[in-house]
Amino acid sequence: MSENPALHILMVEDEALLLEVITADLEDAGFAVTQAPNAETALEFLKEGVAVDLLFTDIRLPGEMDGWQLAEVARTMRPGLPIIYATGFTQTPPRIGAGSLFFTKPYRASAIVKAINELAARPL
């Protein structure tokens, strides 16, 4: 169960089934989730002012931006935004900064919930 039930997660994942499964797991844990299938959609949510407490992004995404680039832009828009990166494979070197965690696929939903609670409790 979420220790921070009011937390709002922006979940960016291009695999529709995985997006639905992880969203359901996060909602079952007490989080609110906004889904985005790519970085461009996620950025639109941020530009529109959607309340986001944490960004959870896949690294390999369709479109102009990957998850690393999305996170960098998101952090310029919302400094201090906690970020969880996830990927099954990436050829680009990791660019993980403060207030960020990295998971390889497959991962357990319980590990993600624990990570979200830890990041949310940690000041940057």
PDB file of N, CA and C in Angstrom:
ATOM      1  N   MET A   1       0.839  -1.187   0.000  1.00  0.00           N
ATOM      2  CA  MET A   1       0.000   0.000   0.000  1.00  0.00           C
ATOM      3  C   MET A   1       0.880   1.246   0.000  1.00  0.00           C
ATOM      4  N   SER A   2       0.424   2.264  -0.686  1.00  0.00           N
ATOM      5  CA  SER A   2       1.176   3.509  -0.784  1.00  0.00           C
ATOM      6  C   SER A   2       1.238   4.212   0.569  1.00  0.00           C
ATOM      7  N   GLU A   3       2.426   4.710   0.898  1.00  0.00           N
ATOM      8  CA  GLU A   3       2.579   5.538   2.091  1.00  0.00           C
ATOM      9  C   GLU A   3       2.185   6.971   1.766  1.00  0.00           C
ATOM     10  N   ASN A   4       2.044   7.279   0.487  1.00  0.00           N
ATOM     11  CA  ASN A   4       1.720   8.625   0.002  1.00  0.00           C
ATOM     12  C   ASN A   4       0.548   8.527  -0.968  1.00  0.00           C
ATOM     13  N   PRO A   5      -0.660   8.282  -0.452  1.00  0.00           N
ATOM     14  CA  PRO A   5      -1.790   8.010  -1.340  1.00  0.00           C
ATOM     15  C   PRO A   5      -2.178   9.151  -2.265  1.00  0.00           C
ATOM     16  N   ALA A   6      -1.737  10.369  -1.971  1.00  0.00           N
ATOM     17  CA  ALA A   6      -2.109  11.490  -2.828  1.00  0.00           C
ATOM     18  C   ALA A   6      -1.126  11.678  -3.983  1.00  0.00           C
ATOM     19  N   LEU A   7      -0.077  10.876  -4.051  1.00  0.00           N
ATOM     20  CA  LEU A   7       0.919  11.056  -5.100  1.00  0.00           C
ATOM     21  C   LEU A   7       0.342  10.785  -6.483  1.00  0.00           C
ATOM     22  N   HIS A   8       0.733  11.642  -7.421  1.00  0.00           N
ATOM     23  CA  HIS A   8       0.284  11.527  -8.809  1.00  0.00           C
ATOM     24  C   HIS A   8       1.491  11.159  -9.669  1.00  0.00           C
ATOM     25  N   ILE A   9       1.390  10.021 -10.349  1.00  0.00           N
ATOM     26  CA  ILE A   9       2.481   9.498 -11.170  1.00  0.00           C
ATOM     27  C   ILE A   9       2.165   9.737 -12.646  1.00  0.00           C
ATOM     28  N   LEU A  10       3.135  10.278 -13.378  1.00  0.00           N
ATOM     29  CA  LEU A  10       3.034  10.361 -14.836  1.00  0.00           C
ATOM     30  C   LEU A  10       3.791   9.159 -15.378  1.00  0.00           C
ATOM     31  N   MET A  11       3.046   8.205 -15.933  1.00  0.00           N
ATOM     32  CA  MET A  11       3.593   6.930 -16.415  1.00  0.00           C
ATOM     33  C   MET A  11       3.742   6.996 -17.928  1.00  0.00           C
ATOM     34  N   VAL A  12       4.988   6.891 -18.423  1.00  0.00           N
ATOM     35  CA  VAL A  12       5.272   6.988 -19.850  1.00  0.00           C
ATOM     36  C   VAL A  12       5.807   5.643 -20.327  1.00  0.00           C
ATOM     37  N   GLU A  13       5.009   4.967 -21.129  1.00  0.00           N
ATOM     38  CA  GLU A  13       5.346   3.625 -21.616  1.00  0.00           C
ATOM     39  C   GLU A  13       4.642   3.407 -22.944  1.00  0.00           C
ATOM     40  N   ASP A  14       5.401   2.959 -23.974  1.00  0.00           N
ATOM     41  CA  ASP A  14       4.801   2.767 -25.291  1.00  0.00           C
ATOM     42  C   ASP A  14       4.188   1.387 -25.487  1.00  0.00           C
ATOM     43  N   GLU A  15       4.502   0.430 -24.626  1.00  0.00           N
ATOM     44  CA  GLU A  15       3.881  -0.892 -24.717  1.00  0.00           C
ATOM     45  C   GLU A  15       2.539  -0.833 -23.993  1.00  0.00           C
ATOM     46  N   ALA A  16       1.448  -0.855 -24.756  1.00  0.00           N
ATOM     47  CA  ALA A  16       0.109  -0.627 -24.196  1.00  0.00           C
ATOM     48  C   ALA A  16      -0.240  -1.598 -23.070  1.00  0.00           C
ATOM     49  N   LEU A  17       0.070  -2.867 -23.237  1.00  0.00           N
ATOM     50  CA  LEU A  17      -0.267  -3.845 -22.203  1.00  0.00           C
ATOM     51  C   LEU A  17       0.504  -3.566 -20.919  1.00  0.00           C
ATOM     52  N   LEU A  18       1.780  -3.295 -21.039  1.00  0.00           N
ATOM     53  CA  LEU A  18       2.588  -2.984 -19.860  1.00  0.00           C
ATOM     54  C   LEU A  18       2.101  -1.699 -19.195  1.00  0.00           C
ATOM     55  N   LEU A  19       1.752  -0.707 -19.993  1.00  0.00           N
ATOM     56  CA  LEU A  19       1.222   0.545 -19.460  1.00  0.00           C
ATOM     57  C   LEU A  19      -0.029   0.291 -18.624  1.00  0.00           C
ATOM     58  N   GLU A  20      -0.924  -0.533 -19.136  1.00  0.00           N
ATOM     59  CA  GLU A  20      -2.166  -0.835 -18.411  1.00  0.00           C
ATOM     60  C   GLU A  20      -1.901  -1.631 -17.131  1.00  0.00           C
ATOM     61  N   VAL A  21      -1.016  -2.622 -17.217  1.00  0.00           N
ATOM     62  CA  VAL A  21      -0.731  -3.469 -16.054  1.00  0.00           C
ATOM     63  C   VAL A  21      -0.070  -2.661 -14.943  1.00  0.00           C
ATOM     64  N   ILE A  22       0.953  -1.887 -15.279  1.00  0.00           N
ATOM     65  CA  ILE A  22       1.650  -1.099 -14.261  1.00  0.00           C
ATOM     66  C   ILE A  22       0.747  -0.014 -13.697  1.00  0.00           C
ATOM     67  N   THR A  23      -0.053   0.609 -14.557  1.00  0.00           N
ATOM     68  CA  THR A  23      -1.010   1.611 -14.069  1.00  0.00           C
ATOM     69  C   THR A  23      -1.963   0.981 -13.060  1.00  0.00           C
ATOM     70  N   ALA A  24      -2.493  -0.189 -13.371  1.00  0.00           N
ATOM     71  CA  ALA A  24      -3.413  -0.875 -12.446  1.00  0.00           C
ATOM     72  C   ALA A  24      -2.715  -1.186 -11.121  1.00  0.00           C
ATOM     73  N   ASP A  25      -1.472  -1.656 -11.196  1.00  0.00           N
ATOM     74  CA  ASP A  25      -0.719  -1.953  -9.972  1.00  0.00           C
ATOM     75  C   ASP A  25      -0.508  -0.693  -9.136  1.00  0.00           C
ATOM     76  N   LEU A  26      -0.151   0.404  -9.788  1.00  0.00           N
ATOM     77  CA  LEU A  26       0.075   1.654  -9.065  1.00  0.00           C
ATOM     78  C   LEU A  26      -1.227   2.189  -8.462  1.00  0.00           C
ATOM     79  N   GLU A  27      -2.309   2.114  -9.217  1.00  0.00           N
ATOM     80  CA  GLU A  27      -3.605   2.562  -8.687  1.00  0.00           C
ATOM     81  C   GLU A  27      -4.050   1.678  -7.527  1.00  0.00           C
ATOM     82  N   ASP A  28      -3.802   0.373  -7.630  1.00  0.00           N
ATOM     83  CA  ASP A  28      -4.134  -0.533  -6.521  1.00  0.00           C
ATOM     84  C   ASP A  28      -3.336  -0.179  -5.265  1.00  0.00           C
ATOM     85  N   ALA A  29      -2.131   0.371  -5.466  1.00  0.00           N
ATOM     86  CA  ALA A  29      -1.290   0.770  -4.341  1.00  0.00           C
ATOM     87  C   ALA A  29      -1.680   2.144  -3.792  1.00  0.00           C
ATOM     88  N   GLY A  30      -2.656   2.788  -4.410  1.00  0.00           N
ATOM     89  CA  GLY A  30      -3.151   4.055  -3.891  1.00  0.00           C
ATOM     90  C   GLY A  30      -2.677   5.304  -4.599  1.00  0.00           C
ATOM     91  N   PHE A  31      -1.960   5.150  -5.712  1.00  0.00           N
ATOM     92  CA  PHE A  31      -1.478   6.309  -6.456  1.00  0.00           C
ATOM     93  C   PHE A  31      -2.472   6.712  -7.538  1.00  0.00           C
ATOM     94  N   ALA A  32      -2.461   7.987  -7.897  1.00  0.00           N
ATOM     95  CA  ALA A  32      -3.179   8.461  -9.076  1.00  0.00           C
ATOM     96  C   ALA A  32      -2.191   8.377 -10.232  1.00  0.00           C
ATOM     97  N   VAL A  33      -2.659   7.974 -11.415  1.00  0.00           N
ATOM     98  CA  VAL A  33      -1.759   7.782 -12.555  1.00  0.00           C
ATOM     99  C   VAL A  33      -2.313   8.468 -13.789  1.00  0.00           C
ATOM    100  N   THR A  34      -1.457   9.205 -14.481  1.00  0.00           N
ATOM    101  CA  THR A  34      -1.758   9.731 -15.804  1.00  0.00           C
ATOM    102  C   THR A  34      -0.862   8.987 -16.776  1.00  0.00           C
ATOM    103  N   GLN A  35      -1.451   8.446 -17.831  1.00  0.00           N
ATOM    104  CA  GLN A  35      -0.719   7.645 -18.810  1.00  0.00           C
ATOM    105  C   GLN A  35      -0.325   8.469 -20.025  1.00  0.00           C
ATOM    106  N   ALA A  36       0.875   8.162 -20.531  1.00  0.00           N
ATOM    107  CA  ALA A  36       1.343   8.769 -21.778  1.00  0.00           C
ATOM    108  C   ALA A  36       2.081   7.695 -22.577  1.00  0.00           C
ATOM    109  N   PRO A  37       1.767   7.552 -23.878  1.00  0.00           N
ATOM    110  CA  PRO A  37       2.421   6.527 -24.699  1.00  0.00           C
ATOM    111  C   PRO A  37       3.764   6.967 -25.278  1.00  0.00           C
ATOM    112  N   ASN A  38       4.111   8.250 -25.091  1.00  0.00           N
ATOM    113  CA  ASN A  38       5.374   8.756 -25.630  1.00  0.00           C
ATOM    114  C   ASN A  38       5.761  10.040 -24.882  1.00  0.00           C
ATOM    115  N   ALA A  39       6.991  10.490 -25.148  1.00  0.00           N
ATOM    116  CA  ALA A  39       7.508  11.672 -24.456  1.00  0.00           C
ATOM    117  C   ALA A  39       6.735  12.939 -24.810  1.00  0.00           C
ATOM    118  N   GLU A  40       6.353  13.056 -26.064  1.00  0.00           N
ATOM    119  CA  GLU A  40       5.650  14.271 -26.497  1.00  0.00           C
ATOM    120  C   GLU A  40       4.322  14.440 -25.756  1.00  0.00           C
ATOM    121  N   THR A  41       3.585  13.350 -25.580  1.00  0.00           N
ATOM    122  CA  THR A  41       2.317  13.409 -24.838  1.00  0.00           C
ATOM    123  C   THR A  41       2.582  13.763 -23.378  1.00  0.00           C
ATOM    124  N   ALA A  42       3.612  13.159 -22.810  1.00  0.00           N
ATOM    125  CA  ALA A  42       3.960  13.451 -21.419  1.00  0.00           C
ATOM    126  C   ALA A  42       4.286  14.935 -21.236  1.00  0.00           C
ATOM    127  N   LEU A  43       5.044  15.495 -22.172  1.00  0.00           N
ATOM    128  CA  LEU A  43       5.383  16.915 -22.082  1.00  0.00           C
ATOM    129  C   LEU A  43       4.155  17.806 -22.200  1.00  0.00           C
ATOM    130  N   GLU A  44       3.207  17.402 -23.029  1.00  0.00           N
ATOM    131  CA  GLU A  44       1.962  18.170 -23.132  1.00  0.00           C
ATOM    132  C   GLU A  44       1.249  18.209 -21.784  1.00  0.00           C
ATOM    133  N   PHE A  45       1.195  17.070 -21.089  1.00  0.00           N
ATOM    134  CA  PHE A  45       0.576  17.047 -19.757  1.00  0.00           C
ATOM    135  C   PHE A  45       1.299  18.012 -18.816  1.00  0.00           C
ATOM    136  N   LEU A  46       2.618  18.004 -18.858  1.00  0.00           N
ATOM    137  CA  LEU A  46       3.383  18.898 -17.985  1.00  0.00           C
ATOM    138  C   LEU A  46       3.143  20.362 -18.344  1.00  0.00           C
ATOM    139  N   LYS A  47       3.116  20.670 -19.644  1.00  0.00           N
ATOM    140  CA  LYS A  47       2.867  22.044 -20.090  1.00  0.00           C
ATOM    141  C   LYS A  47       1.473  22.517 -19.699  1.00  0.00           C
ATOM    142  N   GLU A  48       0.506  21.582 -19.699  1.00  0.00           N
ATOM    143  CA  GLU A  48      -0.873  21.923 -19.334  1.00  0.00           C
ATOM    144  C   GLU A  48      -1.043  22.086 -17.831  1.00  0.00           C
ATOM    145  N   GLY A  49      -0.009  21.777 -17.065  1.00  0.00           N
ATOM    146  CA  GLY A  49      -0.086  21.962 -15.622  1.00  0.00           C
ATOM    147  C   GLY A  49      -0.658  20.792 -14.858  1.00  0.00           C
ATOM    148  N   VAL A  50      -0.703  19.618 -15.481  1.00  0.00           N
ATOM    149  CA  VAL A  50      -1.182  18.431 -14.768  1.00  0.00           C
ATOM    150  C   VAL A  50      -0.292  18.228 -13.542  1.00  0.00           C
ATOM    151  N   ALA A  51      -0.913  18.017 -12.390  1.00  0.00           N
ATOM    152  CA  ALA A  51      -0.160  17.795 -11.155  1.00  0.00           C
ATOM    153  C   ALA A  51       0.584  16.470 -11.261  1.00  0.00           C
ATOM    154  N   VAL A  52       1.892  16.515 -11.168  1.00  0.00           N
ATOM    155  CA  VAL A  52       2.723  15.318 -11.254  1.00  0.00           C
ATOM    156  C   VAL A  52       3.718  15.355 -10.110  1.00  0.00           C
ATOM    157  N   ASP A  53       3.724  14.295  -9.307  1.00  0.00           N
ATOM    158  CA  ASP A  53       4.656  14.204  -8.192  1.00  0.00           C
ATOM    159  C   ASP A  53       5.874  13.353  -8.530  1.00  0.00           C
ATOM    160  N   LEU A  54       5.751  12.520  -9.580  1.00  0.00           N
ATOM    161  CA  LEU A  54       6.850  11.649  -9.978  1.00  0.00           C
ATOM    162  C   LEU A  54       6.662  11.251 -11.436  1.00  0.00           C
ATOM    163  N   LEU A  55       7.767  11.218 -12.159  1.00  0.00           N
ATOM    164  CA  LEU A  55       7.775  10.772 -13.551  1.00  0.00           C
ATOM    165  C   LEU A  55       8.346   9.365 -13.589  1.00  0.00           C
ATOM    166  N   PHE A  56       7.601   8.445 -14.190  1.00  0.00           N
ATOM    167  CA  PHE A  56       8.052   7.061 -14.378  1.00  0.00           C
ATOM    168  C   PHE A  56       8.094   6.852 -15.884  1.00  0.00           C
ATOM    169  N   THR A  57       9.300   6.756 -16.452  1.00  0.00           N
ATOM    170  CA  THR A  57       9.410   6.698 -17.903  1.00  0.00           C
ATOM    171  C   THR A  57      10.250   5.531 -18.405  1.00  0.00           C
ATOM    172  N   ASP A  58       9.756   4.937 -19.476  1.00  0.00           N
ATOM    173  CA  ASP A  58      10.538   3.984 -20.240  1.00  0.00           C
ATOM    174  C   ASP A  58      11.641   4.785 -20.931  1.00  0.00           C
ATOM    175  N   ILE A  59      12.757   4.150 -21.245  1.00  0.00           N
ATOM    176  CA  ILE A  59      13.849   4.832 -21.933  1.00  0.00           C
ATOM    177  C   ILE A  59      13.614   4.849 -23.444  1.00  0.00           C
ATOM    178  N   ARG A  60      13.304   3.706 -23.998  1.00  0.00           N
ATOM    179  CA  ARG A  60      13.094   3.611 -25.449  1.00  0.00           C
ATOM    180  C   ARG A  60      11.636   3.925 -25.760  1.00  0.00           C
ATOM    181  N   LEU A  61      11.427   5.061 -26.389  1.00  0.00           N
ATOM    182  CA  LEU A  61      10.081   5.536 -26.708  1.00  0.00           C
ATOM    183  C   LEU A  61      10.002   5.910 -28.187  1.00  0.00           C
ATOM    184  N   PRO A  62       8.816   5.773 -28.776  1.00  0.00           N
ATOM    185  CA  PRO A  62       8.663   6.232 -30.159  1.00  0.00           C
ATOM    186  C   PRO A  62       8.624   7.759 -30.188  1.00  0.00           C
ATOM    187  N   GLY A  63       8.944   8.323 -31.321  1.00  0.00           N
ATOM    188  CA  GLY A  63       8.884   9.776 -31.449  1.00  0.00           C
ATOM    189  C   GLY A  63      10.267  10.390 -31.421  1.00  0.00           C
ATOM    190  N   GLU A  64      10.292  11.691 -31.206  1.00  0.00           N
ATOM    191  CA  GLU A  64      11.527  12.466 -31.274  1.00  0.00           C
ATOM    192  C   GLU A  64      12.412  12.333 -30.040  1.00  0.00           C
ATOM    193  N   MET A  65      11.813  11.996 -28.894  1.00  0.00           N
ATOM    194  CA  MET A  65      12.563  11.986 -27.634  1.00  0.00           C
ATOM    195  C   MET A  65      12.558  10.610 -26.999  1.00  0.00           C
ATOM    196  N   ASP A  66      13.681  10.288 -26.327  1.00  0.00           N
ATOM    197  CA  ASP A  66      13.694   9.079 -25.523  1.00  0.00           C
ATOM    198  C   ASP A  66      13.416   9.472 -24.068  1.00  0.00           C
ATOM    199  N   GLY A  67      13.411   8.497 -23.192  1.00  0.00           N
ATOM    200  CA  GLY A  67      13.106   8.766 -21.787  1.00  0.00           C
ATOM    201  C   GLY A  67      14.130   9.641 -21.093  1.00  0.00           C
ATOM    202  N   TRP A  68      15.419   9.506 -21.488  1.00  0.00           N
ATOM    203  CA  TRP A  68      16.446  10.372 -20.905  1.00  0.00           C
ATOM    204  C   TRP A  68      16.149  11.832 -21.228  1.00  0.00           C
ATOM    205  N   GLN A  69      15.856  12.098 -22.508  1.00  0.00           N
ATOM    206  CA  GLN A  69      15.579  13.471 -22.937  1.00  0.00           C
ATOM    207  C   GLN A  69      14.310  14.010 -22.279  1.00  0.00           C
ATOM    208  N   LEU A  70      13.287  13.170 -22.205  1.00  0.00           N
ATOM    209  CA  LEU A  70      12.045  13.572 -21.547  1.00  0.00           C
ATOM    210  C   LEU A  70      12.329  14.007 -20.113  1.00  0.00           C
ATOM    211  N   ALA A  71      13.087  13.201 -19.392  1.00  0.00           N
ATOM    212  CA  ALA A  71      13.377  13.515 -17.990  1.00  0.00           C
ATOM    213  C   ALA A  71      14.135  14.833 -17.859  1.00  0.00           C
ATOM    214  N   GLU A  72      15.079  15.070 -18.757  1.00  0.00           N
ATOM    215  CA  GLU A  72      15.848  16.320 -18.709  1.00  0.00           C
ATOM    216  C   GLU A  72      14.942  17.530 -18.928  1.00  0.00           C
ATOM    217  N   VAL A  73      14.043  17.433 -19.904  1.00  0.00           N
ATOM    218  CA  VAL A  73      13.126  18.544 -20.162  1.00  0.00           C
ATOM    219  C   VAL A  73      12.140  18.701 -18.997  1.00  0.00           C
ATOM    220  N   ALA A  74      11.645  17.574 -18.486  1.00  0.00           N
ATOM    221  CA  ALA A  74      10.704  17.621 -17.361  1.00  0.00           C
ATOM    222  C   ALA A  74      11.343  18.298 -16.155  1.00  0.00           C
ATOM    223  N   ARG A  75      12.613  18.020 -15.926  1.00  0.00           N
ATOM    224  CA  ARG A  75      13.312  18.623 -14.785  1.00  0.00           C
ATOM    225  C   ARG A  75      13.545  20.121 -14.989  1.00  0.00           C
ATOM    226  N   THR A  76      13.670  20.574 -16.242  1.00  0.00           N
ATOM    227  CA  THR A  76      13.783  22.025 -16.447  1.00  0.00           C
ATOM    228  C   THR A  76      12.444  22.694 -16.170  1.00  0.00           C
ATOM    229  N   MET A  77      11.362  21.987 -16.469  1.00  0.00           N
ATOM    230  CA  MET A  77      10.020  22.530 -16.225  1.00  0.00           C
ATOM    231  C   MET A  77       9.635  22.432 -14.752  1.00  0.00           C
ATOM    232  N   ARG A  78      10.062  21.345 -14.118  1.00  0.00           N
ATOM    233  CA  ARG A  78       9.719  21.091 -12.713  1.00  0.00           C
ATOM    234  C   ARG A  78      10.963  20.602 -11.969  1.00  0.00           C
ATOM    235  N   PRO A  79      11.809  21.531 -11.570  1.00  0.00           N
ATOM    236  CA  PRO A  79      13.030  21.145 -10.852  1.00  0.00           C
ATOM    237  C   PRO A  79      12.699  20.299  -9.618  1.00  0.00           C
ATOM    238  N   GLY A  80      13.511  19.292  -9.417  1.00  0.00           N
ATOM    239  CA  GLY A  80      13.300  18.439  -8.249  1.00  0.00           C
ATOM    240  C   GLY A  80      12.315  17.308  -8.454  1.00  0.00           C
ATOM    241  N   LEU A  81      11.738  17.194  -9.643  1.00  0.00           N
ATOM    242  CA  LEU A  81      10.774  16.130  -9.918  1.00  0.00           C
ATOM    243  C   LEU A  81      11.468  14.773  -9.796  1.00  0.00           C
ATOM    244  N   PRO A  82      11.004  13.887  -8.904  1.00  0.00           N
ATOM    245  CA  PRO A  82      11.590  12.554  -8.818  1.00  0.00           C
ATOM    246  C   PRO A  82      11.302  11.776 -10.107  1.00  0.00           C
ATOM    247  N   ILE A  83      12.273  10.942 -10.519  1.00  0.00           N
ATOM    248  CA  ILE A  83      12.133  10.203 -11.779  1.00  0.00           C
ATOM    249  C   ILE A  83      12.545   8.756 -11.582  1.00  0.00           C
ATOM    250  N   ILE A  84      11.737   7.857 -12.138  1.00  0.00           N
ATOM    251  CA  ILE A  84      12.105   6.449 -12.230  1.00  0.00           C
ATOM    252  C   ILE A  84      12.218   6.129 -13.709  1.00  0.00           C
ATOM    253  N   TYR A  85      13.377   5.596 -14.090  1.00  0.00           N
ATOM    254  CA  TYR A  85      13.624   5.164 -15.465  1.00  0.00           C
ATOM    255  C   TYR A  85      13.488   3.646 -15.512  1.00  0.00           C
ATOM    256  N   ALA A  86      12.973   3.130 -16.631  1.00  0.00           N
ATOM    257  CA  ALA A  86      12.878   1.685 -16.801  1.00  0.00           C
ATOM    258  C   ALA A  86      13.164   1.338 -18.257  1.00  0.00           C
ATOM    259  N   THR A  87      13.848   0.239 -18.463  1.00  0.00           N
ATOM    260  CA  THR A  87      14.089  -0.215 -19.830  1.00  0.00           C
ATOM    261  C   THR A  87      14.465  -1.687 -19.834  1.00  0.00           C
ATOM    262  N   GLY A  88      14.188  -2.319 -20.942  1.00  0.00           N
ATOM    263  CA  GLY A  88      14.641  -3.678 -21.150  1.00  0.00           C
ATOM    264  C   GLY A  88      15.980  -3.675 -21.852  1.00  0.00           C
ATOM    265  N   PHE A  89      16.261  -2.581 -22.582  1.00  0.00           N
ATOM    266  CA  PHE A  89      17.492  -2.478 -23.360  1.00  0.00           C
ATOM    267  C   PHE A  89      17.696  -1.031 -23.768  1.00  0.00           C
ATOM    268  N   THR A  90      18.925  -0.567 -23.644  1.00  0.00           N
ATOM    269  CA  THR A  90      19.253   0.764 -24.139  1.00  0.00           C
ATOM    270  C   THR A  90      20.711   0.786 -24.577  1.00  0.00           C
ATOM    271  N   GLN A  91      20.971   1.483 -25.674  1.00  0.00           N
ATOM    272  CA  GLN A  91      22.345   1.635 -26.147  1.00  0.00           C
ATOM    273  C   GLN A  91      22.948   2.947 -25.676  1.00  0.00           C
ATOM    274  N   THR A  92      22.106   3.832 -25.149  1.00  0.00           N
ATOM    275  CA  THR A  92      22.613   5.118 -24.684  1.00  0.00           C
ATOM    276  C   THR A  92      23.079   4.990 -23.240  1.00  0.00           C
ATOM    277  N   PRO A  93      24.162   5.683 -22.881  1.00  0.00           N
ATOM    278  CA  PRO A  93      24.636   5.611 -21.498  1.00  0.00           C
ATOM    279  C   PRO A  93      23.625   6.247 -20.546  1.00  0.00           C
ATOM    280  N   PRO A  94      23.451   5.673 -19.369  1.00  0.00           N
ATOM    281  CA  PRO A  94      22.504   6.235 -18.396  1.00  0.00           C
ATOM    282  C   PRO A  94      22.859   7.659 -18.008  1.00  0.00           C
ATOM    283  N   ARG A  95      21.834   8.459 -17.798  1.00  0.00           N
ATOM    284  CA  ARG A  95      22.000   9.837 -17.359  1.00  0.00           C
ATOM    285  C   ARG A  95      21.140  10.053 -16.111  1.00  0.00           C
ATOM    286  N   ILE A  96      21.412   9.260 -15.113  1.00  0.00           N
ATOM    287  CA  ILE A  96      20.615   9.284 -13.888  1.00  0.00           C
ATOM    288  C   ILE A  96      21.173  10.342 -12.948  1.00  0.00           C
ATOM    289  N   GLY A  97      20.293  11.235 -12.515  1.00  0.00           N
ATOM    290  CA  GLY A  97      20.712  12.299 -11.607  1.00  0.00           C
ATOM    291  C   GLY A  97      20.129  12.099 -10.217  1.00  0.00           C
ATOM    292  N   ALA A  98      20.319  13.088  -9.383  1.00  0.00           N
ATOM    293  CA  ALA A  98      19.767  13.062  -8.029  1.00  0.00           C
ATOM    294  C   ALA A  98      18.256  12.909  -8.083  1.00  0.00           C
ATOM    295  N   GLY A  99      17.712  12.181  -7.146  1.00  0.00           N
ATOM    296  CA  GLY A  99      16.267  11.997  -7.095  1.00  0.00           C
ATOM    297  C   GLY A  99      15.738  11.081  -8.174  1.00  0.00           C
ATOM    298  N   SER A 100      16.604  10.177  -8.668  1.00  0.00           N
ATOM    299  CA  SER A 100      16.209   9.266  -9.739  1.00  0.00           C
ATOM    300  C   SER A 100      16.630   7.844  -9.411  1.00  0.00           C
ATOM    301  N   LEU A 101      15.889   6.899  -9.962  1.00  0.00           N
ATOM    302  CA  LEU A 101      16.216   5.482  -9.846  1.00  0.00           C
ATOM    303  C   LEU A 101      16.076   4.834 -11.209  1.00  0.00           C
ATOM    304  N   PHE A 102      16.763   3.721 -11.396  1.00  0.00           N
ATOM    305  CA  PHE A 102      16.758   3.008 -12.673  1.00  0.00           C
ATOM    306  C   PHE A 102      16.384   1.556 -12.439  1.00  0.00           C
ATOM    307  N   PHE A 103      15.422   1.037 -13.230  1.00  0.00           N
ATOM    308  CA  PHE A 103      14.999  -0.356 -13.175  1.00  0.00           C
ATOM    309  C   PHE A 103      15.152  -0.989 -14.548  1.00  0.00           C
ATOM    310  N   THR A 104      15.531  -2.249 -14.564  1.00  0.00           N
ATOM    311  CA  THR A 104      15.539  -2.999 -15.814  1.00  0.00           C
ATOM    312  C   THR A 104      14.293  -3.859 -15.856  1.00  0.00           C
ATOM    313  N   LYS A 105      13.756  -4.021 -17.053  1.00  0.00           N
ATOM    314  CA  LYS A 105      12.579  -4.871 -17.253  1.00  0.00           C
ATOM    315  C   LYS A 105      13.051  -6.308 -17.393  1.00  0.00           C
ATOM    316  N   PRO A 106      12.320  -7.245 -16.884  1.00  0.00           N
ATOM    317  CA  PRO A 106      11.067  -7.069 -16.138  1.00  0.00           C
ATOM    318  C   PRO A 106      11.349  -6.677 -14.683  1.00  0.00           C
ATOM    319  N   TYR A 107      10.413  -5.970 -14.098  1.00  0.00           N
ATOM    320  CA  TYR A 107      10.531  -5.557 -12.713  1.00  0.00           C
ATOM    321  C   TYR A 107       9.243  -5.911 -12.006  1.00  0.00           C
ATOM    322  N   ARG A 108       9.292  -5.991 -10.704  1.00  0.00           N
ATOM    323  CA  ARG A 108       8.102  -6.300  -9.903  1.00  0.00           C
ATOM    324  C   ARG A 108       7.395  -5.000  -9.523  1.00  0.00           C
ATOM    325  N   ALA A 109       6.078  -5.034  -9.575  1.00  0.00           N
ATOM    326  CA  ALA A 109       5.299  -3.858  -9.197  1.00  0.00           C
ATOM    327  C   ALA A 109       5.597  -3.451  -7.755  1.00  0.00           C
ATOM    328  N   SER A 110       5.793  -4.426  -6.893  1.00  0.00           N
ATOM    329  CA  SER A 110       6.076  -4.120  -5.486  1.00  0.00           C
ATOM    330  C   SER A 110       7.382  -3.327  -5.347  1.00  0.00           C
ATOM    331  N   ALA A 111       8.372  -3.625  -6.187  1.00  0.00           N
ATOM    332  CA  ALA A 111       9.635  -2.881  -6.155  1.00  0.00           C
ATOM    333  C   ALA A 111       9.423  -1.445  -6.616  1.00  0.00           C
ATOM    334  N   ILE A 112       8.559  -1.251  -7.603  1.00  0.00           N
ATOM    335  CA  ILE A 112       8.269   0.103  -8.100  1.00  0.00           C
ATOM    336  C   ILE A 112       7.530   0.903  -7.027  1.00  0.00           C
ATOM    337  N   VAL A 113       6.538   0.288  -6.387  1.00  0.00           N
ATOM    338  CA  VAL A 113       5.783   0.975  -5.335  1.00  0.00           C
ATOM    339  C   VAL A 113       6.724   1.386  -4.206  1.00  0.00           C
ATOM    340  N   LYS A 114       7.608   0.481  -3.801  1.00  0.00           N
ATOM    341  CA  LYS A 114       8.579   0.801  -2.748  1.00  0.00           C
ATOM    342  C   LYS A 114       9.483   1.953  -3.180  1.00  0.00           C
ATOM    343  N   ALA A 115       9.951   1.923  -4.416  1.00  0.00           N
ATOM    344  CA  ALA A 115      10.824   2.983  -4.929  1.00  0.00           C
ATOM    345  C   ALA A 115      10.108   4.332  -4.957  1.00  0.00           C
ATOM    346  N   ILE A 116       8.854   4.334  -5.386  1.00  0.00           N
ATOM    347  CA  ILE A 116       8.075   5.584  -5.422  1.00  0.00           C
ATOM    348  C   ILE A 116       7.959   6.161  -4.014  1.00  0.00           C
ATOM    349  N   ASN A 117       7.617   5.325  -3.053  1.00  0.00           N
ATOM    350  CA  ASN A 117       7.486   5.796  -1.669  1.00  0.00           C
ATOM    351  C   ASN A 117       8.804   6.331  -1.137  1.00  0.00           C
ATOM    352  N   GLU A 118       9.927   5.667  -1.477  1.00  0.00           N
ATOM    353  CA  GLU A 118      11.231   6.138  -1.022  1.00  0.00           C
ATOM    354  C   GLU A 118      11.609   7.466  -1.683  1.00  0.00           C
ATOM    355  N   LEU A 119      11.395   7.580  -2.984  1.00  0.00           N
ATOM    356  CA  LEU A 119      11.728   8.831  -3.689  1.00  0.00           C
ATOM    357  C   LEU A 119      10.867   9.979  -3.181  1.00  0.00           C
ATOM    358  N   ALA A 120       9.590   9.715  -2.937  1.00  0.00           N
ATOM    359  CA  ALA A 120       8.678  10.776  -2.494  1.00  0.00           C
ATOM    360  C   ALA A 120       9.052  11.279  -1.100  1.00  0.00           C
ATOM    361  N   ALA A 121       9.657  10.417  -0.287  1.00  0.00           N
ATOM    362  CA  ALA A 121      10.015  10.793   1.066  1.00  0.00           C
ATOM    363  C   ALA A 121      11.375  11.469   1.144  1.00  0.00           C
ATOM    364  N   ARG A 122      12.124  11.407   0.065  1.00  0.00           N
ATOM    365  CA  ARG A 122      13.514  11.880   0.030  1.00  0.00           C
ATOM    366  C   ARG A 122      13.565  13.307  -0.525  1.00  0.00           C
ATOM    367  N   PRO A 123      14.102  14.263   0.249  1.00  0.00           N
ATOM    368  CA  PRO A 123      14.261  15.604  -0.330  1.00  0.00           C
ATOM    369  C   PRO A 123      15.427  15.607  -1.321  1.00  0.00           C
ATOM    370  N   LEU A 124      15.302  16.410  -2.379  1.00  0.00           N
ATOM    371  CA  LEU A 124      16.387  16.519  -3.371  1.00  0.00           C
ATOM    372  C   LEU A 124      17.435  17.501  -2.907  1.00  0.00           C
TER     373      LEU A 124
END
